PDB file of N, CA and C in Angstrom:
ATOM      1  N   MET A   1       0.862  -1.178   0.000  1.00  0.00           N
ATOM      2  CA  MET A   1       0.000   0.000   0.000  1.00  0.00           C
ATOM      3  C   MET A   1       0.902   1.232   0.000  1.00  0.00           C
ATOM      4  N   PHE A   2       0.504   2.236  -0.767  1.00  0.00           N
ATOM      5  CA  PHE A   2       1.243   3.490  -0.874  1.00  0.00           C
ATOM      6  C   PHE A   2       0.548   4.554  -0.036  1.00  0.00           C
ATOM      7  N   VAL A   3       1.340   5.378   0.645  1.00  0.00           N
ATOM      8  CA  VAL A   3       0.807   6.440   1.492  1.00  0.00           C
ATOM      9  C   VAL A   3       1.461   7.759   1.093  1.00  0.00           C
ATOM     10  N   ALA A   4       0.655   8.785   0.894  1.00  0.00           N
ATOM     11  CA  ALA A   4       1.163  10.139   0.640  1.00  0.00           C
ATOM     12  C   ALA A   4       0.763  11.007   1.820  1.00  0.00           C
ATOM     13  N   MET A   5       1.758  11.625   2.444  1.00  0.00           N
ATOM     14  CA  MET A   5       1.502  12.509   3.589  1.00  0.00           C
ATOM     15  C   MET A   5       1.816  13.938   3.186  1.00  0.00           C
ATOM     16  N   SER A   6       0.801  14.778   3.253  1.00  0.00           N
ATOM     17  CA  SER A   6       0.946  16.194   2.935  1.00  0.00           C
ATOM     18  C   SER A   6       0.800  16.980   4.230  1.00  0.00           C
ATOM     19  N   GLN A   7       1.688  17.918   4.453  1.00  0.00           N
ATOM     20  CA  GLN A   7       1.656  18.731   5.674  1.00  0.00           C
ATOM     21  C   GLN A   7       1.685  20.193   5.271  1.00  0.00           C
ATOM     22  N   PHE A   8       0.886  21.005   5.970  1.00  0.00           N
ATOM     23  CA  PHE A   8       0.913  22.453   5.748  1.00  0.00           C
ATOM     24  C   PHE A   8       0.436  23.165   7.005  1.00  0.00           C
ATOM     25  N   ARG A   9       0.773  24.447   7.109  1.00  0.00           N
ATOM     26  CA  ARG A   9       0.296  25.292   8.208  1.00  0.00           C
ATOM     27  C   ARG A   9      -0.448  26.481   7.598  1.00  0.00           C
ATOM     28  N   VAL A  10      -1.593  26.798   8.190  1.00  0.00           N
ATOM     29  CA  VAL A  10      -2.354  27.966   7.770  1.00  0.00           C
ATOM     30  C   VAL A  10      -2.017  29.123   8.706  1.00  0.00           C
ATOM     31  N   MET A  11      -2.269  30.322   8.242  1.00  0.00           N
ATOM     32  CA  MET A  11      -2.028  31.497   9.073  1.00  0.00           C
ATOM     33  C   MET A  11      -2.942  31.433  10.296  1.00  0.00           C
ATOM     34  N   ALA A  12      -2.453  31.944  11.405  1.00  0.00           N
ATOM     35  CA  ALA A  12      -3.200  31.928  12.666  1.00  0.00           C
ATOM     36  C   ALA A  12      -4.593  32.520  12.474  1.00  0.00           C
ATOM     37  N   GLY A  13      -5.572  31.871  13.067  1.00  0.00           N
ATOM     38  CA  GLY A  13      -6.950  32.329  12.995  1.00  0.00           C
ATOM     39  C   GLY A  13      -7.763  31.655  11.892  1.00  0.00           C
ATOM     40  N   GLN A  14      -7.119  30.901  11.013  1.00  0.00           N
ATOM     41  CA  GLN A  14      -7.841  30.243   9.916  1.00  0.00           C
ATOM     42  C   GLN A  14      -8.085  28.756  10.174  1.00  0.00           C
ATOM     43  N   GLU A  15      -7.669  28.282  11.334  1.00  0.00           N
ATOM     44  CA  GLU A  15      -7.771  26.860  11.639  1.00  0.00           C
ATOM     45  C   GLU A  15      -9.207  26.347  11.591  1.00  0.00           C
ATOM     46  N   GLY A  16     -10.120  27.101  12.173  1.00  0.00           N
ATOM     47  CA  GLY A  16     -11.514  26.664  12.251  1.00  0.00           C
ATOM     48  C   GLY A  16     -12.149  26.470  10.892  1.00  0.00           C
ATOM     49  N   MET A  17     -11.912  27.414   9.974  1.00  0.00           N
ATOM     50  CA  MET A  17     -12.538  27.273   8.658  1.00  0.00           C
ATOM     51  C   MET A  17     -11.917  26.123   7.872  1.00  0.00           C
ATOM     52  N   VAL A  18     -10.649  25.820   8.105  1.00  0.00           N
ATOM     53  CA  VAL A  18     -10.019  24.695   7.424  1.00  0.00           C
ATOM     54  C   VAL A  18     -10.554  23.373   7.976  1.00  0.00           C
ATOM     55  N   ARG A  19     -10.680  23.296   9.288  1.00  0.00           N
ATOM     56  CA  ARG A  19     -11.253  22.088   9.887  1.00  0.00           C
ATOM     57  C   ARG A  19     -12.657  21.817   9.332  1.00  0.00           C
ATOM     58  N   GLU A  20     -13.475  22.849   9.288  1.00  0.00           N
ATOM     59  CA  GLU A  20     -14.843  22.683   8.787  1.00  0.00           C
ATOM     60  C   GLU A  20     -14.849  22.305   7.308  1.00  0.00           C
ATOM     61  N   ALA A  21     -13.950  22.890   6.530  1.00  0.00           N
ATOM     62  CA  ALA A  21     -13.870  22.552   5.106  1.00  0.00           C
ATOM     63  C   ALA A  21     -13.556  21.072   4.918  1.00  0.00           C
ATOM     64  N   PHE A  22     -12.663  20.535   5.723  1.00  0.00           N
ATOM     65  CA  PHE A  22     -12.360  19.112   5.601  1.00  0.00           C
ATOM     66  C   PHE A  22     -13.525  18.251   6.066  1.00  0.00           C
ATOM     67  N   ARG A  23     -14.232  18.681   7.074  1.00  0.00           N
ATOM     68  CA  ARG A  23     -15.410  17.914   7.532  1.00  0.00           C
ATOM     69  C   ARG A  23     -16.511  17.891   6.469  1.00  0.00           C
ATOM     70  N   GLN A  24     -16.601  18.963   5.687  1.00  0.00           N
ATOM     71  CA  GLN A  24     -17.649  19.089   4.672  1.00  0.00           C
ATOM     72  C   GLN A  24     -17.131  18.837   3.244  1.00  0.00           C
ATOM     73  N   ARG A  25     -15.949  18.298   3.103  1.00  0.00           N
ATOM     74  CA  ARG A  25     -15.325  18.138   1.784  1.00  0.00           C
ATOM     75  C   ARG A  25     -16.223  17.336   0.848  1.00  0.00           C
ATOM     76  N   PRO A  26     -16.163  17.637  -0.456  1.00  0.00           N
ATOM     77  CA  PRO A  26     -17.053  16.965  -1.409  1.00  0.00           C
ATOM     78  C   PRO A  26     -16.649  15.529  -1.745  1.00  0.00           C
ATOM     79  N   ARG A  27     -15.540  15.045  -1.220  1.00  0.00           N
ATOM     80  CA  ARG A  27     -15.106  13.659  -1.396  1.00  0.00           C
ATOM     81  C   ARG A  27     -14.837  13.296  -2.855  1.00  0.00           C
ATOM     82  N   LEU A  28     -14.283  14.239  -3.605  1.00  0.00           N
ATOM     83  CA  LEU A  28     -13.990  13.997  -5.014  1.00  0.00           C
ATOM     84  C   LEU A  28     -12.951  12.900  -5.206  1.00  0.00           C
ATOM     85  N   VAL A  29     -11.955  12.855  -4.352  1.00  0.00           N
ATOM     86  CA  VAL A  29     -10.895  11.859  -4.489  1.00  0.00           C
ATOM     87  C   VAL A  29     -11.398  10.449  -4.179  1.00  0.00           C
ATOM     88  N   ASP A  30     -12.447  10.326  -3.417  1.00  0.00           N
ATOM     89  CA  ASP A  30     -12.917   9.023  -2.960  1.00  0.00           C
ATOM     90  C   ASP A  30     -13.246   8.066  -4.109  1.00  0.00           C
ATOM     91  N   ALA A  31     -13.671   8.584  -5.245  1.00  0.00           N
ATOM     92  CA  ALA A  31     -14.056   7.748  -6.382  1.00  0.00           C
ATOM     93  C   ALA A  31     -12.887   7.467  -7.330  1.00  0.00           C
ATOM     94  N   HIS A  32     -11.734   8.042  -7.060  1.00  0.00           N
ATOM     95  CA  HIS A  32     -10.599   7.852  -7.976  1.00  0.00           C
ATOM     96  C   HIS A  32     -10.074   6.418  -7.853  1.00  0.00           C
ATOM     97  N   PRO A  33      -9.800   5.772  -8.987  1.00  0.00           N
ATOM     98  CA  PRO A  33      -9.281   4.405  -8.943  1.00  0.00           C
ATOM     99  C   PRO A  33      -8.012   4.300  -8.093  1.00  0.00           C
ATOM    100  N   GLY A  34      -8.000   3.357  -7.188  1.00  0.00           N
ATOM    101  CA  GLY A  34      -6.842   3.124  -6.348  1.00  0.00           C
ATOM    102  C   GLY A  34      -6.872   3.836  -5.010  1.00  0.00           C
ATOM    103  N   PHE A  35      -7.782   4.801  -4.849  1.00  0.00           N
ATOM    104  CA  PHE A  35      -7.875   5.521  -3.576  1.00  0.00           C
ATOM    105  C   PHE A  35      -8.479   4.600  -2.525  1.00  0.00           C
ATOM    106  N   ILE A  36      -7.913   4.639  -1.315  1.00  0.00           N
ATOM    107  CA  ILE A  36      -8.429   3.822  -0.218  1.00  0.00           C
ATOM    108  C   ILE A  36      -9.060   4.690   0.861  1.00  0.00           C
ATOM    109  N   ARG A  37      -8.306   5.669   1.384  1.00  0.00           N
ATOM    110  CA  ARG A  37      -8.900   6.537   2.410  1.00  0.00           C
ATOM    111  C   ARG A  37      -8.034   7.766   2.644  1.00  0.00           C
ATOM    112  N   LEU A  38      -8.647   8.754   3.288  1.00  0.00           N
ATOM    113  CA  LEU A  38      -7.987   9.998   3.679  1.00  0.00           C
ATOM    114  C   LEU A  38      -8.192  10.196   5.170  1.00  0.00           C
ATOM    115  N   GLU A  39      -7.121  10.573   5.853  1.00  0.00           N
ATOM    116  CA  GLU A  39      -7.207  10.958   7.258  1.00  0.00           C
ATOM    117  C   GLU A  39      -6.609  12.355   7.376  1.00  0.00           C
ATOM    118  N   VAL A  40      -7.268  13.219   8.130  1.00  0.00           N
ATOM    119  CA  VAL A  40      -6.795  14.584   8.349  1.00  0.00           C
ATOM    120  C   VAL A  40      -6.520  14.729   9.835  1.00  0.00           C
ATOM    121  N   LEU A  41      -5.290  15.113  10.162  1.00  0.00           N
ATOM    122  CA  LEU A  41      -4.860  15.228  11.551  1.00  0.00           C
ATOM    123  C   LEU A  41      -4.279  16.609  11.811  1.00  0.00           C
ATOM    124  N   THR A  42      -4.306  17.020  13.074  1.00  0.00           N
ATOM    125  CA  THR A  42      -3.655  18.256  13.479  1.00  0.00           C
ATOM    126  C   THR A  42      -3.042  18.038  14.864  1.00  0.00           C
ATOM    127  N   PRO A  43      -1.800  18.478  15.086  1.00  0.00           N
ATOM    128  CA  PRO A  43      -1.158  18.285  16.388  1.00  0.00           C
ATOM    129  C   PRO A  43      -1.820  19.147  17.468  1.00  0.00           C
ATOM    130  N   ASP A  44      -1.875  18.620  18.671  1.00  0.00           N
ATOM    131  CA  ASP A  44      -2.456  19.367  19.792  1.00  0.00           C
ATOM    132  C   ASP A  44      -1.753  20.697  20.020  1.00  0.00           C
ATOM    133  N   GLU A  45      -0.435  20.709  19.901  1.00  0.00           N
ATOM    134  CA  GLU A  45       0.326  21.919  20.236  1.00  0.00           C
ATOM    135  C   GLU A  45       0.460  22.905  19.067  1.00  0.00           C
ATOM    136  N   ARG A  46       0.083  22.502  17.852  1.00  0.00           N
ATOM    137  CA  ARG A  46       0.150  23.401  16.688  1.00  0.00           C
ATOM    138  C   ARG A  46      -1.158  23.275  15.915  1.00  0.00           C
ATOM    139  N   THR A  47      -2.198  23.915  16.400  1.00  0.00           N
ATOM    140  CA  THR A  47      -3.535  23.718  15.833  1.00  0.00           C
ATOM    141  C   THR A  47      -3.689  24.295  14.436  1.00  0.00           C
ATOM    142  N   ASN A  48      -2.730  25.087  13.975  1.00  0.00           N
ATOM    143  CA  ASN A  48      -2.812  25.621  12.611  1.00  0.00           C
ATOM    144  C   ASN A  48      -2.079  24.724  11.616  1.00  0.00           C
ATOM    145  N   GLU A  49      -1.555  23.586  12.092  1.00  0.00           N
ATOM    146  CA  GLU A  49      -0.834  22.647  11.232  1.00  0.00           C
ATOM    147  C   GLU A  49      -1.743  21.471  10.904  1.00  0.00           C
ATOM    148  N   PHE A  50      -1.766  21.079   9.644  1.00  0.00           N
ATOM    149  CA  PHE A  50      -2.616  19.980   9.187  1.00  0.00           C
ATOM    150  C   PHE A  50      -1.772  18.938   8.475  1.00  0.00           C
ATOM    151  N   TRP A  51      -2.112  17.683   8.734  1.00  0.00           N
ATOM    152  CA  TRP A  51      -1.488  16.548   8.069  1.00  0.00           C
ATOM    153  C   TRP A  51      -2.581  15.798   7.324  1.00  0.00           C
ATOM    154  N   LEU A  52      -2.417  15.644   6.024  1.00  0.00           N
ATOM    155  CA  LEU A  52      -3.345  14.864   5.210  1.00  0.00           C
ATOM    156  C   LEU A  52      -2.631  13.573   4.843  1.00  0.00           C
ATOM    157  N   ILE A  53      -3.202  12.476   5.260  1.00  0.00           N
ATOM    158  CA  ILE A  53      -2.604  11.182   4.989  1.00  0.00           C
ATOM    159  C   ILE A  53      -3.556  10.425   4.072  1.00  0.00           C
ATOM    160  N   THR A  54      -3.110  10.176   2.843  1.00  0.00           N
ATOM    161  CA  THR A  54      -3.939   9.442   1.896  1.00  0.00           C
ATOM    162  C   THR A  54      -3.329   8.068   1.659  1.00  0.00           C
ATOM    163  N   PHE A  55      -4.200   7.084   1.599  1.00  0.00           N
ATOM    164  CA  PHE A  55      -3.798   5.698   1.392  1.00  0.00           C
ATOM    165  C   PHE A  55      -4.267   5.271   0.005  1.00  0.00           C
ATOM    166  N   TRP A  56      -3.367   4.639  -0.738  1.00  0.00           N
ATOM    167  CA  TRP A  56      -3.619   4.261  -2.131  1.00  0.00           C
ATOM    168  C   TRP A  56      -3.206   2.815  -2.363  1.00  0.00           C
ATOM    169  N   ARG A  57      -3.812   2.215  -3.343  1.00  0.00           N
ATOM    170  CA  ARG A  57      -3.441   0.852  -3.724  1.00  0.00           C
ATOM    171  C   ARG A  57      -1.975   0.800  -4.164  1.00  0.00           C
ATOM    172  N   ASP A  58      -1.552   1.839  -4.918  1.00  0.00           N
ATOM    173  CA  ASP A  58      -0.174   1.892  -5.401  1.00  0.00           C
ATOM    174  C   ASP A  58       0.195   3.342  -5.717  1.00  0.00           C
ATOM    175  N   GLN A  59       1.465   3.593  -5.899  1.00  0.00           N
ATOM    176  CA  GLN A  59       1.947   4.949  -6.166  1.00  0.00           C
ATOM    177  C   GLN A  59       1.415   5.491  -7.487  1.00  0.00           C
ATOM    178  N   GLY A  60       1.284   4.644  -8.483  1.00  0.00           N
ATOM    179  CA  GLY A  60       0.762   5.083  -9.777  1.00  0.00           C
ATOM    180  C   GLY A  60      -0.632   5.672  -9.666  1.00  0.00           C
ATOM    181  N   SER A  61      -1.487   5.069  -8.847  1.00  0.00           N
ATOM    182  CA  SER A  61      -2.849   5.599  -8.651  1.00  0.00           C
ATOM    183  C   SER A  61      -2.792   7.011  -8.090  1.00  0.00           C
ATOM    184  N   PHE A  62      -1.939   7.209  -7.077  1.00  0.00           N
ATOM    185  CA  PHE A  62      -1.781   8.543  -6.499  1.00  0.00           C
ATOM    186  C   PHE A  62      -1.257   9.531  -7.543  1.00  0.00           C
ATOM    187  N   GLU A  63      -0.238   9.141  -8.269  1.00  0.00           N
ATOM    188  CA  GLU A  63       0.367  10.053  -9.243  1.00  0.00           C
ATOM    189  C   GLU A  63      -0.612  10.442 -10.348  1.00  0.00           C
ATOM    190  N   ARG A  64      -1.459   9.513 -10.791  1.00  0.00           N
ATOM    191  CA  ARG A  64      -2.473   9.856 -11.806  1.00  0.00           C
ATOM    192  C   ARG A  64      -3.469  10.865 -11.242  1.00  0.00           C
ATOM    193  N   TRP A  65      -3.899  10.673  -9.997  1.00  0.00           N
ATOM    194  CA  TRP A  65      -4.812  11.643  -9.383  1.00  0.00           C
ATOM    195  C   TRP A  65      -4.105  12.989  -9.215  1.00  0.00           C
ATOM    196  N   HIS A  66      -2.898  12.959  -8.696  1.00  0.00           N
ATOM    197  CA  HIS A  66      -2.160  14.187  -8.418  1.00  0.00           C
ATOM    198  C   HIS A  66      -1.928  14.988  -9.695  1.00  0.00           C
ATOM    199  N   ALA A  67      -1.652  14.323 -10.796  1.00  0.00           N
ATOM    200  CA  ALA A  67      -1.379  15.004 -12.066  1.00  0.00           C
ATOM    201  C   ALA A  67      -2.636  15.570 -12.708  1.00  0.00           C
ATOM    202  N   GLY A  68      -3.780  14.925 -12.514  1.00  0.00           N
ATOM    203  CA  GLY A  68      -4.959  15.337 -13.255  1.00  0.00           C
ATOM    204  C   GLY A  68      -6.105  15.935 -12.467  1.00  0.00           C
ATOM    205  N   HIS A  69      -6.174  15.690 -11.178  1.00  0.00           N
ATOM    206  CA  HIS A  69      -7.358  16.102 -10.419  1.00  0.00           C
ATOM    207  C   HIS A  69      -7.063  16.964  -9.208  1.00  0.00           C
ATOM    208  N   LEU A  70      -5.812  17.227  -8.955  1.00  0.00           N
ATOM    209  CA  LEU A  70      -5.432  17.958  -7.750  1.00  0.00           C
ATOM    210  C   LEU A  70      -6.110  19.322  -7.659  1.00  0.00           C
ATOM    211  N   ARG A  71      -6.082  20.098  -8.730  1.00  0.00           N
ATOM    212  CA  ARG A  71      -6.648  21.454  -8.706  1.00  0.00           C
ATOM    213  C   ARG A  71      -8.143  21.430  -8.392  1.00  0.00           C
ATOM    214  N   ALA A  72      -8.890  20.566  -9.059  1.00  0.00           N
ATOM    215  CA  ALA A  72     -10.338  20.495  -8.835  1.00  0.00           C
ATOM    216  C   ALA A  72     -10.663  20.051  -7.418  1.00  0.00           C
ATOM    217  N   SER A  73      -9.850  19.147  -6.880  1.00  0.00           N
ATOM    218  CA  SER A  73     -10.150  18.635  -5.544  1.00  0.00           C
ATOM    219  C   SER A  73      -9.856  19.656  -4.456  1.00  0.00           C
ATOM    220  N   HIS A  74      -9.093  20.711  -4.766  1.00  0.00           N
ATOM    221  CA  HIS A  74      -8.803  21.750  -3.783  1.00  0.00           C
ATOM    222  C   HIS A  74      -9.647  23.013  -3.989  1.00  0.00           C
ATOM    223  N   ALA A  75     -10.481  23.040  -5.013  1.00  0.00           N
ATOM    224  CA  ALA A  75     -11.277  24.232  -5.317  1.00  0.00           C
ATOM    225  C   ALA A  75     -12.278  24.565  -4.211  1.00  0.00           C
ATOM    226  N   TRP A  76     -12.643  23.613  -3.388  1.00  0.00           N
ATOM    227  CA  TRP A  76     -13.642  23.830  -2.338  1.00  0.00           C
ATOM    228  C   TRP A  76     -13.041  24.418  -1.065  1.00  0.00           C
ATOM    229  N   MET A  77     -11.735  24.576  -0.999  1.00  0.00           N
ATOM    230  CA  MET A  77     -11.112  25.153   0.200  1.00  0.00           C
ATOM    231  C   MET A  77     -11.564  26.605   0.381  1.00  0.00           C
ATOM    232  N   PRO A  78     -11.579  27.095   1.608  1.00  0.00           N
ATOM    233  CA  PRO A  78     -12.081  28.447   1.871  1.00  0.00           C
ATOM    234  C   PRO A  78     -11.345  29.516   1.061  1.00  0.00           C
ATOM    235  N   LYS A  79     -12.098  30.453   0.548  1.00  0.00           N
ATOM    236  CA  LYS A  79     -11.511  31.590  -0.174  1.00  0.00           C
ATOM    237  C   LYS A  79     -10.739  32.445   0.822  1.00  0.00           C
ATOM    238  N   GLY A  80      -9.604  32.949   0.396  1.00  0.00           N
ATOM    239  CA  GLY A  80      -8.786  33.780   1.265  1.00  0.00           C
ATOM    240  C   GLY A  80      -7.860  33.000   2.179  1.00  0.00           C
ATOM    241  N   LEU A  81      -7.829  31.676   2.028  1.00  0.00           N
ATOM    242  CA  LEU A  81      -6.963  30.858   2.856  1.00  0.00           C
ATOM    243  C   LEU A  81      -5.505  31.191   2.568  1.00  0.00           C
ATOM    244  N   LYS A  82      -4.734  31.398   3.617  1.00  0.00           N
ATOM    245  CA  LYS A  82      -3.315  31.723   3.485  1.00  0.00           C
ATOM    246  C   LYS A  82      -2.490  30.685   4.229  1.00  0.00           C
ATOM    247  N   LEU A  83      -1.497  30.136   3.526  1.00  0.00           N
ATOM    248  CA  LEU A  83      -0.576  29.199   4.148  1.00  0.00           C
ATOM    249  C   LEU A  83       0.639  29.949   4.665  1.00  0.00           C
ATOM    250  N   GLU A  84       1.227  29.439   5.730  1.00  0.00           N
ATOM    251  CA  GLU A  84       2.484  30.003   6.193  1.00  0.00           C
ATOM    252  C   GLU A  84       3.539  29.716   5.125  1.00  0.00           C
ATOM    253  N   PRO A  85       4.322  30.712   4.744  1.00  0.00           N
ATOM    254  CA  PRO A  85       5.351  30.495   3.721  1.00  0.00           C
ATOM    255  C   PRO A  85       6.305  29.366   4.108  1.00  0.00           C
ATOM    256  N   GLY A  86       6.588  28.500   3.149  1.00  0.00           N
ATOM    257  CA  GLY A  86       7.522  27.412   3.363  1.00  0.00           C
ATOM    258  C   GLY A  86       7.017  26.277   4.226  1.00  0.00           C
ATOM    259  N   SER A  87       5.711  26.234   4.488  1.00  0.00           N
ATOM    260  CA  SER A  87       5.196  25.237   5.432  1.00  0.00           C
ATOM    261  C   SER A  87       4.681  23.966   4.764  1.00  0.00           C
ATOM    262  N   ARG A  88       4.678  23.916   3.457  1.00  0.00           N
ATOM    263  CA  ARG A  88       4.106  22.751   2.769  1.00  0.00           C
ATOM    264  C   ARG A  88       5.160  21.676   2.529  1.00  0.00           C
ATOM    265  N   SER A  89       4.748  20.430   2.705  1.00  0.00           N
ATOM    266  CA  SER A  89       5.620  19.313   2.358  1.00  0.00           C
ATOM    267  C   SER A  89       4.761  18.137   1.903  1.00  0.00           C
ATOM    268  N   LEU A  90       5.362  17.276   1.092  1.00  0.00           N
ATOM    269  CA  LEU A  90       4.707  16.068   0.626  1.00  0.00           C
ATOM    270  C   LEU A  90       5.723  14.938   0.745  1.00  0.00           C
ATOM    271  N   THR A  91       5.341  13.880   1.449  1.00  0.00           N
ATOM    272  CA  THR A  91       6.218  12.752   1.678  1.00  0.00           C
ATOM    273  C   THR A  91       5.545  11.478   1.200  1.00  0.00           C
ATOM    274  N   TYR A  92       6.283  10.666   0.453  1.00  0.00           N
ATOM    275  CA  TYR A  92       5.788   9.379  -0.017  1.00  0.00           C
ATOM    276  C   TYR A  92       6.267   8.292   0.934  1.00  0.00           C
ATOM    277  N   MET A  93       5.374   7.357   1.261  1.00  0.00           N
ATOM    278  CA  MET A  93       5.718   6.277   2.182  1.00  0.00           C
ATOM    279  C   MET A  93       5.094   4.975   1.722  1.00  0.00           C
ATOM    280  N   GLU A  94       5.640   3.902   2.241  1.00  0.00           N
ATOM    281  CA  GLU A  94       5.079   2.572   2.044  1.00  0.00           C
ATOM    282  C   GLU A  94       4.533   2.109   3.386  1.00  0.00           C
ATOM    283  N   LEU A  95       3.313   1.616   3.391  1.00  0.00           N
ATOM    284  CA  LEU A  95       2.753   1.052   4.616  1.00  0.00           C
ATOM    285  C   LEU A  95       3.378  -0.315   4.833  1.00  0.00           C
ATOM    286  N   VAL A  96       4.085  -0.474   5.928  1.00  0.00           N
ATOM    287  CA  VAL A  96       4.818  -1.700   6.214  1.00  0.00           C
ATOM    288  C   VAL A  96       3.943  -2.684   6.990  1.00  0.00           C
ATOM    289  N   ALA A  97       3.174  -2.183   7.969  1.00  0.00           N
ATOM    290  CA  ALA A  97       2.337  -3.059   8.784  1.00  0.00           C
ATOM    291  C   ALA A  97       1.165  -2.266   9.342  1.00  0.00           C
ATOM    292  N   GLU A  98       0.076  -2.968   9.602  1.00  0.00           N
ATOM    293  CA  GLU A  98      -1.104  -2.350  10.240  1.00  0.00           C
ATOM    294  C   GLU A  98      -1.299  -2.967  11.597  1.00  0.00           C
TER     295      GLU A  98
END
Protein backbone atom coordinates (compact mmCIF):
# COMPACT_ATOMS: atom_id res chain seq x y z
CA MET A 1 0.00 0.00 0.00
CA PHE A 2 1.24 3.49 -0.87
CA VAL A 3 0.81 6.44 1.49
CA ALA A 4 1.16 10.14 0.64
CA MET A 5 1.50 12.51 3.59
CA SER A 6 0.95 16.19 2.94
CA GLN A 7 1.66 18.73 5.67
CA PHE A 8 0.91 22.45 5.75
CA ARG A 9 0.30 25.29 8.21
CA VAL A 10 -2.35 27.97 7.77
CA MET A 11 -2.03 31.50 9.07
CA ALA A 12 -3.20 31.93 12.67
CA GLY A 13 -6.95 32.33 12.99
CA GLN A 14 -7.84 30.24 9.92
CA GLU A 15 -7.77 26.86 11.64
CA GLY A 16 -11.51 26.66 12.25
CA MET A 17 -12.54 27.27 8.66
CA VAL A 18 -10.02 24.69 7.42
CA ARG A 19 -11.25 22.09 9.89
CA GLU A 20 -14.84 22.68 8.79
CA ALA A 21 -13.87 22.55 5.11
CA PHE A 22 -12.36 19.11 5.60
CA ARG A 23 -15.41 17.91 7.53
CA GLN A 24 -17.65 19.09 4.67
CA ARG A 25 -15.33 18.14 1.78
CA PRO A 26 -17.05 16.97 -1.41
CA ARG A 27 -15.11 13.66 -1.40
CA LEU A 28 -13.99 14.00 -5.01
CA VAL A 29 -10.89 11.86 -4.49
CA ASP A 30 -12.92 9.02 -2.96
CA ALA A 31 -14.06 7.75 -6.38
CA HIS A 32 -10.60 7.85 -7.98
CA PRO A 33 -9.28 4.41 -8.94
CA GLY A 34 -6.84 3.12 -6.35
CA PHE A 35 -7.87 5.52 -3.58
CA ILE A 36 -8.43 3.82 -0.22
CA ARG A 37 -8.90 6.54 2.41
CA LEU A 38 -7.99 10.00 3.68
CA GLU A 39 -7.21 10.96 7.26
CA VAL A 40 -6.80 14.58 8.35
CA LEU A 41 -4.86 15.23 11.55
CA THR A 42 -3.65 18.26 13.48
CA PRO A 43 -1.16 18.29 16.39
CA ASP A 44 -2.46 19.37 19.79
CA GLU A 45 0.33 21.92 20.24
CA ARG A 46 0.15 23.40 16.69
CA THR A 47 -3.53 23.72 15.83
CA ASN A 48 -2.81 25.62 12.61
CA GLU A 49 -0.83 22.65 11.23
CA PHE A 50 -2.62 19.98 9.19
CA TRP A 51 -1.49 16.55 8.07
CA LEU A 52 -3.34 14.86 5.21
CA ILE A 53 -2.60 11.18 4.99
CA THR A 54 -3.94 9.44 1.90
CA PHE A 55 -3.80 5.70 1.39
CA TRP A 56 -3.62 4.26 -2.13
CA ARG A 57 -3.44 0.85 -3.72
CA ASP A 58 -0.17 1.89 -5.40
CA GLN A 59 1.95 4.95 -6.17
CA GLY A 60 0.76 5.08 -9.78
CA SER A 61 -2.85 5.60 -8.65
CA PHE A 62 -1.78 8.54 -6.50
CA GLU A 63 0.37 10.05 -9.24
CA ARG A 64 -2.47 9.86 -11.81
CA TRP A 65 -4.81 11.64 -9.38
CA HIS A 66 -2.16 14.19 -8.42
CA ALA A 67 -1.38 15.00 -12.07
CA GLY A 68 -4.96 15.34 -13.25
CA HIS A 69 -7.36 16.10 -10.42
CA LEU A 70 -5.43 17.96 -7.75
CA ARG A 71 -6.65 21.45 -8.71
CA ALA A 72 -10.34 20.50 -8.84
CA SER A 73 -10.15 18.64 -5.54
CA HIS A 74 -8.80 21.75 -3.78
CA ALA A 75 -11.28 24.23 -5.32
CA TRP A 76 -13.64 23.83 -2.34
CA MET A 77 -11.11 25.15 0.20
CA PRO A 78 -12.08 28.45 1.87
CA LYS A 79 -11.51 31.59 -0.17
CA GLY A 80 -8.79 33.78 1.26
CA LEU A 81 -6.96 30.86 2.86
CA LYS A 82 -3.32 31.72 3.48
CA LEU A 83 -0.58 29.20 4.15
CA GLU A 84 2.48 30.00 6.19
CA PRO A 85 5.35 30.49 3.72
CA GLY A 86 7.52 27.41 3.36
CA SER A 87 5.20 25.24 5.43
CA ARG A 88 4.11 22.75 2.77
CA SER A 89 5.62 19.31 2.36
CA LEU A 90 4.71 16.07 0.63
CA THR A 91 6.22 12.75 1.68
CA TYR A 92 5.79 9.38 -0.02
CA MET A 93 5.72 6.28 2.18
CA GLU A 94 5.08 2.57 2.04
CA LEU A 95 2.75 1.05 4.62
CA VAL A 96 4.82 -1.70 6.21
CA ALA A 97 2.34 -3.06 8.78
CA GLU A 98 -1.10 -2.35 10.24
